[in-house]
Amino acid sequence: MIYNAYEILGLTESATQEEIDARYNELKEQYRQDRFKPGDVGEEASEKLQQLEVAYRDIMTERQEQQQAQDTRDDSDYTLVQQLITDGKLDEAQAKLDERVTRDAEWHYIQSILFYKRNWFLESKRQLELACEMEPNNERYKQSLEKLTKILASNTISPDQLRSSSRPVDEGPRVGAGNGTCTGSTCTDCLLCNMCCNCCQCMGGGGC
């Protein structure tokens, strides 16, 4: 008979972590009480308690390995998106980012960089806010949000670039076009460039 740790808990592999923990604690308490009963009942309960402990440990080990493998794949995907951004291939980077089903804090952080690269500043700020909400203790996210908030508060960015849709349809006119700057202010251009490069460096890109 093939050993199946989930069957010992009366569950399937599709069970959530919460369901596994609840079932484990329920059976553990039951077997602990039954093992003090006389005769075969107590002996069987002691044996089942041992089997339960082994099964739970094996399930936790397996799930941890699966999570580690998934994290490795996620890091690889984000590294590719990061390189595409660094190479200026924003459409390809966006397409690769959109392929991901799981949208964690890092996903929103990288999306904010993509929006920032396109000068969609409000969208960039919103994505940073989402990243911070998901991981409030992440200093990289918080520092990026603080920098962008200061830039937006400086009133040097034209209202034409302060969009509000979750995904802009097009880039629209660039602020300051015709005067050789992006925002219409050389000083602000430097601030924007510095922030963007800092974001890429945080991601391990080594700069823009």
Protein backbone atom coordinates (compact mmCIF):
# COMPACT_ATOMS: atom_id res chain seq x y z
CA MET A 1 0.00 0.00 0.00
CA ILE A 2 1.37 3.38 -1.04
CA TYR A 3 1.86 5.78 1.85
CA ASN A 4 -0.33 8.88 1.64
CA ALA A 5 0.11 11.41 4.42
CA TYR A 6 -3.07 13.26 3.49
CA GLU A 7 -5.21 10.14 3.86
CA ILE A 8 -4.02 9.71 7.44
CA LEU A 9 -5.53 13.12 8.17
CA GLY A 10 -8.61 12.31 6.11
CA LEU A 11 -7.83 15.06 3.61
CA THR A 12 -6.74 15.46 -0.01
CA GLU A 13 -3.75 17.29 -1.46
CA SER A 14 -6.02 20.20 -2.39
CA ALA A 15 -6.64 20.96 1.29
CA THR A 16 -5.66 24.42 2.47
CA GLN A 17 -3.08 25.00 5.18
CA GLU A 18 -5.86 26.08 7.54
CA GLU A 19 -7.77 22.84 6.91
CA ILE A 20 -4.64 20.77 7.49
CA ASP A 21 -3.81 22.50 10.75
CA ALA A 22 -7.39 22.24 12.02
CA ARG A 23 -7.65 18.53 11.20
CA TYR A 24 -4.24 17.79 12.70
CA ASN A 25 -5.12 19.50 15.98
CA GLU A 26 -8.50 17.79 16.10
CA LEU A 27 -7.08 14.28 15.61
CA LYS A 28 -4.15 14.96 17.89
CA GLU A 29 -6.45 15.88 20.76
CA GLN A 30 -8.68 12.87 20.09
CA TYR A 31 -5.82 10.36 20.02
CA ARG A 32 -4.21 11.85 23.10
CA GLN A 33 -7.37 11.24 25.07
CA ASP A 34 -8.02 7.78 23.65
CA ARG A 35 -4.53 6.44 24.30
CA PHE A 36 -5.25 6.29 28.02
CA LYS A 37 -8.21 3.96 27.45
CA PRO A 38 -7.64 0.32 28.36
CA GLY A 39 -6.93 -2.48 25.95
CA ASP A 40 -6.73 -2.30 22.17
CA VAL A 41 -8.41 1.10 22.01
CA GLY A 42 -5.57 2.79 23.87
CA GLU A 43 -2.87 0.97 21.91
CA GLU A 44 -4.50 1.84 18.59
CA ALA A 45 -4.81 5.49 19.60
CA SER A 46 -1.11 5.63 20.53
CA GLU A 47 -0.19 4.14 17.17
CA LYS A 48 -2.44 6.54 15.27
CA LEU A 49 -0.97 9.47 17.19
CA GLN A 50 2.51 8.51 16.01
CA GLN A 51 1.27 8.10 12.43
CA LEU A 52 -0.42 11.48 12.64
CA GLU A 53 2.75 13.23 13.75
CA VAL A 54 4.78 11.65 10.94
CA ALA A 55 2.11 12.46 8.33
CA TYR A 56 1.80 16.08 9.42
CA ARG A 57 5.58 16.51 9.40
CA ASP A 58 5.84 15.02 5.90
CA ILE A 59 3.06 17.25 4.58
CA MET A 60 4.71 20.37 6.01
CA THR A 61 8.08 19.37 4.51
CA GLU A 62 6.55 18.73 1.10
CA ARG A 63 4.67 22.01 1.07
CA GLN A 64 7.72 23.95 2.16
CA GLU A 65 9.73 22.44 -0.71
CA GLN A 66 6.94 23.30 -3.16
CA GLN A 67 6.85 26.89 -1.90
CA GLN A 68 10.61 27.22 -2.21
CA ALA A 69 10.45 25.95 -5.78
CA GLN A 70 7.66 28.43 -6.57
CA ASP A 71 9.62 31.29 -5.02
CA THR A 72 12.59 30.39 -7.21
CA ARG A 73 10.41 30.50 -10.33
CA ASP A 74 8.92 33.82 -9.23
CA ASP A 75 12.37 35.35 -8.72
CA SER A 76 13.41 34.18 -12.18
CA ASP A 77 10.32 35.76 -13.76
CA TYR A 78 10.87 39.06 -11.98
CA THR A 79 14.53 39.07 -12.99
CA LEU A 80 13.49 38.77 -16.63
CA VAL A 81 10.96 41.62 -16.30
CA GLN A 82 13.62 43.71 -14.57
CA GLN A 83 16.05 43.15 -17.44
CA LEU A 84 13.40 44.08 -20.01
CA ILE A 85 12.74 47.33 -18.14
CA THR A 86 16.44 48.09 -17.99
CA ASP A 87 16.68 47.47 -21.75
CA GLY A 88 13.79 49.86 -22.36
CA LYS A 89 11.50 47.08 -23.66
CA LEU A 90 8.52 48.28 -21.65
CA ASP A 91 5.81 46.60 -23.72
CA GLU A 92 7.54 43.22 -23.43
CA ALA A 93 8.07 43.74 -19.71
CA GLN A 94 4.39 44.59 -19.26
CA ALA A 95 3.28 41.53 -21.22
CA LYS A 96 5.52 39.30 -19.12
CA LEU A 97 4.22 40.86 -15.92
CA ASP A 98 0.61 40.42 -17.04
CA GLU A 99 1.20 36.69 -17.51
CA ARG A 100 1.58 36.19 -13.78
CA VAL A 101 -1.50 34.86 -12.02
CA THR A 102 -0.29 35.65 -8.50
CA ARG A 103 0.10 39.37 -7.94
CA ASP A 104 2.09 39.80 -4.77
CA ALA A 105 3.69 42.92 -3.34
CA GLU A 106 6.72 42.60 -5.62
CA TRP A 107 4.41 42.43 -8.65
CA HIS A 108 2.84 45.77 -7.72
CA TYR A 109 6.26 47.27 -7.02
CA ILE A 110 7.56 46.33 -10.46
CA GLN A 111 4.30 47.50 -12.03
CA SER A 112 4.86 50.87 -10.37
CA ILE A 113 8.28 51.10 -12.02
CA LEU A 114 6.78 50.31 -15.42
CA PHE A 115 4.14 53.00 -15.00
CA TYR A 116 6.81 55.41 -13.76
CA LYS A 117 8.94 54.71 -16.83
CA ARG A 118 5.98 55.74 -18.97
CA ASN A 119 5.47 58.91 -16.88
CA TRP A 120 2.13 57.65 -15.53
CA PHE A 121 2.82 58.96 -12.07
CA LEU A 122 -0.53 58.50 -10.32
CA GLU A 123 -0.73 54.89 -11.48
CA SER A 124 2.83 54.36 -10.29
CA LYS A 125 1.97 55.81 -6.88
CA ARG A 126 -1.11 53.60 -6.58
CA GLN A 127 0.90 50.46 -7.29
CA LEU A 128 3.47 51.46 -4.67
CA GLU A 129 0.65 51.99 -2.18
CA LEU A 130 -0.65 48.49 -2.88
CA ALA A 131 2.82 47.02 -2.40
CA CYS A 132 3.16 48.83 0.93
CA GLU A 133 -0.27 47.65 2.04
CA MET A 134 0.71 44.05 1.34
CA GLU A 135 4.15 44.33 2.95
CA PRO A 136 4.05 47.33 5.31
CA ASN A 137 7.51 46.62 6.73
CA ASN A 138 9.30 46.57 3.38
CA GLU A 139 11.67 49.55 3.46
CA ARG A 140 12.34 49.42 -0.28
CA TYR A 141 8.66 49.93 -1.05
CA LYS A 142 8.20 52.63 1.59
CA GLN A 143 11.21 54.65 0.47
CA SER A 144 10.11 54.55 -3.17
CA LEU A 145 6.61 55.69 -2.22
CA GLU A 146 7.98 58.53 -0.11
CA LYS A 147 10.18 59.75 -2.98
CA LEU A 148 7.36 59.66 -5.51
CA THR A 149 4.96 61.37 -3.10
CA LYS A 150 7.44 64.23 -2.67
CA ILE A 151 7.81 64.61 -6.41
CA LEU A 152 4.05 64.73 -6.93
CA ALA A 153 3.73 67.29 -4.12
CA SER A 154 6.30 69.55 -5.79
CA ASN A 155 3.67 70.72 -8.35
CA THR A 156 6.22 70.57 -11.15
CA ILE A 157 4.41 67.83 -13.08
CA SER A 158 1.79 68.90 -15.60
CA PRO A 159 -1.82 67.82 -14.90
CA ASP A 160 -1.79 66.14 -18.31
CA GLN A 161 0.46 63.44 -16.88
CA LEU A 162 -1.50 62.92 -13.67
CA ARG A 163 -3.75 60.15 -14.93
CA SER A 164 -6.20 58.25 -12.78
CA SER A 165 -7.05 55.05 -14.67
CA SER A 166 -5.65 51.72 -13.47
CA ARG A 167 -4.08 51.09 -16.86
CA PRO A 168 -3.68 54.09 -19.17
CA VAL A 169 -4.81 53.57 -22.75
CA ASP A 170 -1.93 55.53 -24.21
CA GLU A 171 0.95 57.66 -23.06
CA GLY A 172 -0.52 60.97 -24.20
CA PRO A 173 1.56 64.10 -24.60
CA ARG A 174 4.83 64.34 -22.74
CA VAL A 175 5.09 67.29 -20.38
CA GLY A 176 7.55 69.93 -21.43
CA ALA A 177 7.81 68.65 -24.99
CA GLY A 178 9.71 71.09 -27.09
CA ASN A 179 11.91 72.49 -24.33
CA GLY A 180 14.30 69.53 -24.09
CA THR A 181 13.04 68.29 -20.73
CA CYS A 182 10.55 65.66 -19.61
CA THR A 183 8.66 67.58 -16.95
CA GLY A 184 9.44 71.09 -18.04
CA SER A 185 11.97 71.51 -15.25
CA THR A 186 15.57 70.38 -15.41
CA CYS A 187 15.69 70.07 -11.63
CA THR A 188 12.63 67.84 -11.53
CA ASP A 189 14.00 65.76 -14.40
CA CYS A 190 17.01 64.98 -12.23
CA LEU A 191 14.80 63.98 -9.30
CA LEU A 192 12.71 61.71 -11.51
CA CYS A 193 15.75 60.10 -13.07
CA ASN A 194 17.34 59.55 -9.66
CA MET A 195 14.22 57.88 -8.26
CA CYS A 196 13.85 55.57 -11.24
CA CYS A 197 17.48 54.51 -11.07
CA ASN A 198 17.16 53.90 -7.33
CA CYS A 199 14.17 51.62 -7.97
CA CYS A 200 16.10 49.61 -10.54
CA GLN A 201 19.08 49.35 -8.21
CA CYS A 202 16.84 48.08 -5.43
CA MET A 203 15.70 45.36 -7.79
CA GLY A 204 19.28 44.41 -8.49
CA GLY A 205 19.39 45.92 -11.95
CA GLY A 206 22.42 48.03 -11.19
CA GLY A 207 20.86 51.20 -12.53
CA CYS A 208 18.86 52.24 -15.55
